[in-house]
Amino acid sequence: MEINNKNDFPKRKKIRLKEYNYSSAGAYFITVCVKDRRRIFWDFVGADIIRPKNINLSKYGLIVEKAIRNIPDHYENVSVDKFSIMPDHIHLLISSTDGRMISAPTMSRVIGQMKRWVTKESKISFWQKSYFDHIIRNENDYAEIWEYIEHNPRVWIEKHCNQAEKLEIK
């Protein structure tokens, strides 16, 4: 296919909520994926036999974990309330509060900085462009997302491991 001008490229779907101030106080559910959904964050033992209570993170998973834990060190009004590192993506439950900062960071800035740091530390670029976000609407929404993040590794294992491997999960 020959491309004659920039208008020939497919348009990317806008995924941010129009007219929402992403630097305002609130809670956010963020999912960031690895490009091509490559499973690089968990070390798989043998034929994908893994234990949900003791998932071994790969060297890239460990770098991502460090980056997530360091987010509050870089942004005083931002906390990571819950997170899960999956084989090919991460989930974050992030809260931000109003503070003394003249210009509060947007979620895009927080996530972008984290992704850049991980890329620099790992010496490879593996992130998918952008990320998915969901603005937490109320306490029930927050609780449901907390539970989702908590149980997502086990659900992933149940879905992706064969029956013999499932018997090993305690």
C-alpha atoms as a PDB file:
ATOM      1  CA  MET A   1       0.000   0.000   0.000  1.00  0.00           C
ATOM      2  CA  GLU A   2       1.357   3.388  -0.975  1.00  0.00           C
ATOM      3  CA  ILE A   3       0.894   6.250   1.471  1.00  0.00           C
ATOM      4  CA  ASN A   4       0.752   9.664  -0.163  1.00  0.00           C
ATOM      5  CA  ASN A   5       0.252  11.891   2.852  1.00  0.00           C
ATOM      6  CA  LYS A   6      -0.191  11.809   6.595  1.00  0.00           C
ATOM      7  CA  ASN A   7      -3.997  11.753   6.227  1.00  0.00           C
ATOM      8  CA  ASP A   8      -3.733   8.241   4.749  1.00  0.00           C
ATOM      9  CA  PHE A   9      -2.695   6.795   8.118  1.00  0.00           C
ATOM     10  CA  PRO A  10      -5.448   5.279  10.268  1.00  0.00           C
ATOM     11  CA  LYS A  11      -6.678   7.578  13.034  1.00  0.00           C
ATOM     12  CA  ARG A  12      -5.881   6.510  16.604  1.00  0.00           C
ATOM     13  CA  LYS A  13      -8.904   6.279  18.854  1.00  0.00           C
ATOM     14  CA  LYS A  14      -8.800   8.882  21.631  1.00  0.00           C
ATOM     15  CA  ILE A  15      -8.894   7.082  24.971  1.00  0.00           C
ATOM     16  CA  ARG A  16      -8.848   9.986  27.415  1.00  0.00           C
ATOM     17  CA  LEU A  17     -12.071  11.387  28.851  1.00  0.00           C
ATOM     18  CA  LYS A  18     -12.781  14.652  27.071  1.00  0.00           C
ATOM     19  CA  GLU A  19     -12.845  17.741  29.267  1.00  0.00           C
ATOM     20  CA  TYR A  20     -11.534  15.871  32.346  1.00  0.00           C
ATOM     21  CA  ASN A  21      -8.622  17.395  34.270  1.00  0.00           C
ATOM     22  CA  TYR A  22      -6.226  14.483  34.820  1.00  0.00           C
ATOM     23  CA  SER A  23      -4.218  16.550  37.309  1.00  0.00           C
ATOM     24  CA  SER A  24      -7.182  16.875  39.668  1.00  0.00           C
ATOM     25  CA  ALA A  25      -7.413  14.960  42.943  1.00  0.00           C
ATOM     26  CA  GLY A  26      -8.930  11.521  42.577  1.00  0.00           C
ATOM     27  CA  ALA A  27      -8.266   7.839  42.072  1.00  0.00           C
ATOM     28  CA  TYR A  28      -7.401   6.133  38.812  1.00  0.00           C
ATOM     29  CA  PHE A  29      -7.201   2.547  37.568  1.00  0.00           C
ATOM     30  CA  ILE A  30      -4.347   2.346  35.069  1.00  0.00           C
ATOM     31  CA  THR A  31      -3.331  -0.550  32.823  1.00  0.00           C
ATOM     32  CA  VAL A  32      -0.081  -0.401  30.871  1.00  0.00           C
ATOM     33  CA  CYS A  33       0.688  -3.166  28.364  1.00  0.00           C
ATOM     34  CA  VAL A  34       3.834  -4.567  26.816  1.00  0.00           C
ATOM     35  CA  LYS A  35       4.047  -4.114  23.049  1.00  0.00           C
ATOM     36  CA  ASP A  36       2.740  -7.195  21.240  1.00  0.00           C
ATOM     37  CA  ARG A  37       1.695  -8.540  24.677  1.00  0.00           C
ATOM     38  CA  ARG A  38       5.058 -10.264  25.118  1.00  0.00           C
ATOM     39  CA  ARG A  39       5.199 -12.086  28.462  1.00  0.00           C
ATOM     40  CA  ILE A  40       8.364 -10.609  29.908  1.00  0.00           C
ATOM     41  CA  PHE A  41       7.536  -9.681  33.516  1.00  0.00           C
ATOM     42  CA  TRP A  42       7.299 -13.159  35.082  1.00  0.00           C
ATOM     43  CA  ASP A  43       9.940 -15.870  35.093  1.00  0.00           C
ATOM     44  CA  PHE A  44       8.209 -19.009  33.883  1.00  0.00           C
ATOM     45  CA  VAL A  45       9.534 -22.233  35.395  1.00  0.00           C
ATOM     46  CA  GLY A  46       9.443 -25.320  33.193  1.00  0.00           C
ATOM     47  CA  ALA A  47       6.200 -25.480  31.271  1.00  0.00           C
ATOM     48  CA  ASP A  48       4.668 -22.355  32.796  1.00  0.00           C
ATOM     49  CA  ILE A  49       4.300 -23.888  36.261  1.00  0.00           C
ATOM     50  CA  ILE A  50       4.015 -20.918  38.578  1.00  0.00           C
ATOM     51  CA  ARG A  51       2.709 -20.344  42.063  1.00  0.00           C
ATOM     52  CA  PRO A  52       0.396 -17.366  42.557  1.00  0.00           C
ATOM     53  CA  LYS A  53       1.517 -16.724  46.147  1.00  0.00           C
ATOM     54  CA  ASN A  54       5.157 -16.631  45.080  1.00  0.00           C
ATOM     55  CA  ILE A  55       5.348 -15.339  41.518  1.00  0.00           C
ATOM     56  CA  ASN A  56       8.944 -14.810  40.484  1.00  0.00           C
ATOM     57  CA  LEU A  57       9.377 -11.556  38.623  1.00  0.00           C
ATOM     58  CA  SER A  58      11.837 -11.504  35.752  1.00  0.00           C
ATOM     59  CA  LYS A  59      14.616  -8.908  35.657  1.00  0.00           C
ATOM     60  CA  TYR A  60      12.224  -6.638  33.735  1.00  0.00           C
ATOM     61  CA  GLY A  61       9.436  -7.309  36.226  1.00  0.00           C
ATOM     62  CA  LEU A  62      11.762  -6.313  39.073  1.00  0.00           C
ATOM     63  CA  ILE A  63      12.652  -3.055  37.303  1.00  0.00           C
ATOM     64  CA  VAL A  64       8.954  -2.300  36.801  1.00  0.00           C
ATOM     65  CA  GLU A  65       8.229  -3.074  40.467  1.00  0.00           C
ATOM     66  CA  LYS A  66      10.950  -0.652  41.559  1.00  0.00           C
ATOM     67  CA  ALA A  67       9.597   2.046  39.246  1.00  0.00           C
ATOM     68  CA  ILE A  68       6.059   1.613  40.609  1.00  0.00           C
ATOM     69  CA  ARG A  69       7.221   1.738  44.220  1.00  0.00           C
ATOM     70  CA  ASN A  70       9.209   4.916  43.465  1.00  0.00           C
ATOM     71  CA  ILE A  71       6.285   6.886  41.999  1.00  0.00           C
ATOM     72  CA  PRO A  72       5.396   8.522  45.369  1.00  0.00           C
ATOM     73  CA  ASP A  73       9.057   9.565  45.785  1.00  0.00           C
ATOM     74  CA  HIS A  74       8.801  11.657  42.626  1.00  0.00           C
ATOM     75  CA  TYR A  75       5.272  12.993  43.111  1.00  0.00           C
ATOM     76  CA  GLU A  76       4.463  13.956  46.697  1.00  0.00           C
ATOM     77  CA  ASN A  77       0.706  14.062  46.110  1.00  0.00           C
ATOM     78  CA  VAL A  78       0.483  10.726  44.308  1.00  0.00           C
ATOM     79  CA  SER A  79       0.217   7.310  45.948  1.00  0.00           C
ATOM     80  CA  VAL A  80       0.107   3.837  44.464  1.00  0.00           C
ATOM     81  CA  ASP A  81      -2.604   2.181  46.546  1.00  0.00           C
ATOM     82  CA  LYS A  82      -2.444  -1.231  44.855  1.00  0.00           C
ATOM     83  CA  PHE A  83      -0.636  -2.747  41.896  1.00  0.00           C
ATOM     84  CA  SER A  84      -0.159  -6.032  40.115  1.00  0.00           C
ATOM     85  CA  ILE A  85       2.561  -6.976  37.680  1.00  0.00           C
ATOM     86  CA  MET A  86       1.200  -9.470  35.196  1.00  0.00           C
ATOM     87  CA  PRO A  87       3.261 -11.369  32.586  1.00  0.00           C
ATOM     88  CA  ASP A  88       2.519  -8.838  29.828  1.00  0.00           C
ATOM     89  CA  HIS A  89       0.947  -5.817  31.530  1.00  0.00           C
ATOM     90  CA  ILE A  90       0.625  -3.957  34.810  1.00  0.00           C
ATOM     91  CA  HIS A  91      -2.359  -2.702  36.788  1.00  0.00           C
ATOM     92  CA  LEU A  92      -2.119   0.310  39.073  1.00  0.00           C
ATOM     93  CA  LEU A  93      -4.616   1.869  41.457  1.00  0.00           C
ATOM     94  CA  ILE A  94      -3.289   5.399  41.886  1.00  0.00           C
ATOM     95  CA  SER A  95      -4.628   8.203  44.071  1.00  0.00           C
ATOM     96  CA  SER A  96      -3.701  11.857  43.867  1.00  0.00           C
ATOM     97  CA  THR A  97      -4.523  14.598  46.335  1.00  0.00           C
ATOM     98  CA  ASP A  98      -4.481  18.356  46.154  1.00  0.00           C
ATOM     99  CA  GLY A  99      -1.259  19.734  47.472  1.00  0.00           C
ATOM    100  CA  ARG A 100       1.084  22.687  47.547  1.00  0.00           C
ATOM    101  CA  MET A 101       2.372  22.119  44.041  1.00  0.00           C
ATOM    102  CA  ILE A 102       1.832  24.985  41.616  1.00  0.00           C
ATOM    103  CA  SER A 103       1.179  22.546  38.820  1.00  0.00           C
ATOM    104  CA  ALA A 104      -0.011  19.077  39.838  1.00  0.00           C
ATOM    105  CA  PRO A 105       1.211  16.240  37.605  1.00  0.00           C
ATOM    106  CA  THR A 106      -1.241  14.642  35.218  1.00  0.00           C
ATOM    107  CA  MET A 107      -1.603  10.863  35.174  1.00  0.00           C
ATOM    108  CA  SER A 108      -0.085  10.989  31.695  1.00  0.00           C
ATOM    109  CA  ARG A 109       3.040  12.628  33.114  1.00  0.00           C
ATOM    110  CA  VAL A 110       3.271  10.132  36.005  1.00  0.00           C
ATOM    111  CA  ILE A 111       2.858   7.083  33.763  1.00  0.00           C
ATOM    112  CA  GLY A 112       5.074   8.504  31.011  1.00  0.00           C
ATOM    113  CA  GLN A 113       7.894   9.199  33.463  1.00  0.00           C
ATOM    114  CA  MET A 114       7.598   5.693  34.918  1.00  0.00           C
ATOM    115  CA  LYS A 115       7.703   4.123  31.439  1.00  0.00           C
ATOM    116  CA  ARG A 116      10.739   6.216  30.437  1.00  0.00           C
ATOM    117  CA  TRP A 117      12.608   5.264  33.631  1.00  0.00           C
ATOM    118  CA  VAL A 118      11.899   1.552  33.078  1.00  0.00           C
ATOM    119  CA  THR A 119      13.081   1.819  29.461  1.00  0.00           C
ATOM    120  CA  LYS A 120      16.299   3.553  30.557  1.00  0.00           C
ATOM    121  CA  GLU A 121      16.998   1.003  33.327  1.00  0.00           C
ATOM    122  CA  SER A 122      16.210  -2.064  31.207  1.00  0.00           C
ATOM    123  CA  LYS A 123      17.986  -0.694  28.126  1.00  0.00           C
ATOM    124  CA  ILE A 124      15.144  -1.826  25.860  1.00  0.00           C
ATOM    125  CA  SER A 125      11.833  -0.306  24.872  1.00  0.00           C
ATOM    126  CA  PHE A 126       8.985  -2.757  25.369  1.00  0.00           C
ATOM    127  CA  TRP A 127       5.954  -0.612  26.261  1.00  0.00           C
ATOM    128  CA  GLN A 128       2.880  -0.333  24.102  1.00  0.00           C
ATOM    129  CA  LYS A 129       2.073   3.256  23.190  1.00  0.00           C
ATOM    130  CA  SER A 130      -0.218   5.019  25.672  1.00  0.00           C
ATOM    131  CA  TYR A 131      -2.159   3.206  28.419  1.00  0.00           C
ATOM    132  CA  PHE A 132      -5.724   2.549  29.557  1.00  0.00           C
ATOM    133  CA  ASP A 133      -7.208   4.582  32.378  1.00  0.00           C
ATOM    134  CA  HIS A 134     -10.443   4.511  34.303  1.00  0.00           C
ATOM    135  CA  ILE A 135     -11.409   7.333  36.634  1.00  0.00           C
ATOM    136  CA  ILE A 136     -12.656   5.892  39.934  1.00  0.00           C
ATOM    137  CA  ARG A 137     -16.174   7.208  40.495  1.00  0.00           C
ATOM    138  CA  ASN A 138     -16.951   6.142  44.082  1.00  0.00           C
ATOM    139  CA  GLU A 139     -15.968   3.842  46.971  1.00  0.00           C
ATOM    140  CA  ASN A 140     -17.708   0.821  45.430  1.00  0.00           C
ATOM    141  CA  ASP A 141     -15.828   1.326  42.156  1.00  0.00           C
ATOM    142  CA  TYR A 142     -12.558   1.623  44.131  1.00  0.00           C
ATOM    143  CA  ALA A 143     -13.282  -1.596  46.088  1.00  0.00           C
ATOM    144  CA  GLU A 144     -14.141  -3.555  42.921  1.00  0.00           C
ATOM    145  CA  ILE A 145     -10.928  -2.475  41.213  1.00  0.00           C
ATOM    146  CA  TRP A 146      -8.893  -3.270  44.334  1.00  0.00           C
ATOM    147  CA  GLU A 147     -10.326  -6.820  44.274  1.00  0.00           C
ATOM    148  CA  TYR A 148      -9.724  -7.137  40.534  1.00  0.00           C
ATOM    149  CA  ILE A 149      -6.048  -6.203  40.944  1.00  0.00           C
ATOM    150  CA  GLU A 150      -5.713  -8.516  43.961  1.00  0.00           C
ATOM    151  CA  HIS A 151      -7.076 -11.574  42.142  1.00  0.00           C
ATOM    152  CA  ASN A 152      -5.859 -10.924  38.609  1.00  0.00           C
ATOM    153  CA  PRO A 153      -2.670 -13.072  38.862  1.00  0.00           C
ATOM    154  CA  ARG A 154      -4.659 -16.156  39.953  1.00  0.00           C
ATOM    155  CA  VAL A 155      -7.278 -15.569  37.258  1.00  0.00           C
ATOM    156  CA  TRP A 156      -4.524 -15.271  34.661  1.00  0.00           C
ATOM    157  CA  ILE A 157      -2.991 -18.556  35.805  1.00  0.00           C
ATOM    158  CA  GLU A 158      -6.362 -20.315  35.743  1.00  0.00           C
ATOM    159  CA  LYS A 159      -6.962 -19.080  32.216  1.00  0.00           C
ATOM    160  CA  HIS A 160      -3.503 -19.724  30.753  1.00  0.00           C
ATOM    161  CA  CYS A 161      -2.150 -22.841  32.466  1.00  0.00           C
ATOM    162  CA  ASN A 162      -3.225 -26.343  31.515  1.00  0.00           C
ATOM    163  CA  GLN A 163      -5.105 -28.654  33.903  1.00  0.00           C
ATOM    164  CA  ALA A 164      -2.019 -30.557  35.134  1.00  0.00           C
ATOM    165  CA  GLU A 165      -0.298 -27.281  35.997  1.00  0.00           C
ATOM    166  CA  LYS A 166      -3.408 -26.035  37.820  1.00  0.00           C
ATOM    167  CA  LEU A 167      -3.149 -28.994  40.200  1.00  0.00           C
ATOM    168  CA  GLU A 168       0.173 -27.565  41.403  1.00  0.00           C
ATOM    169  CA  ILE A 169      -1.495 -24.307  42.497  1.00  0.00           C
ATOM    170  CA  LYS A 170      -2.301 -24.305  46.176  1.00  0.00           C
END
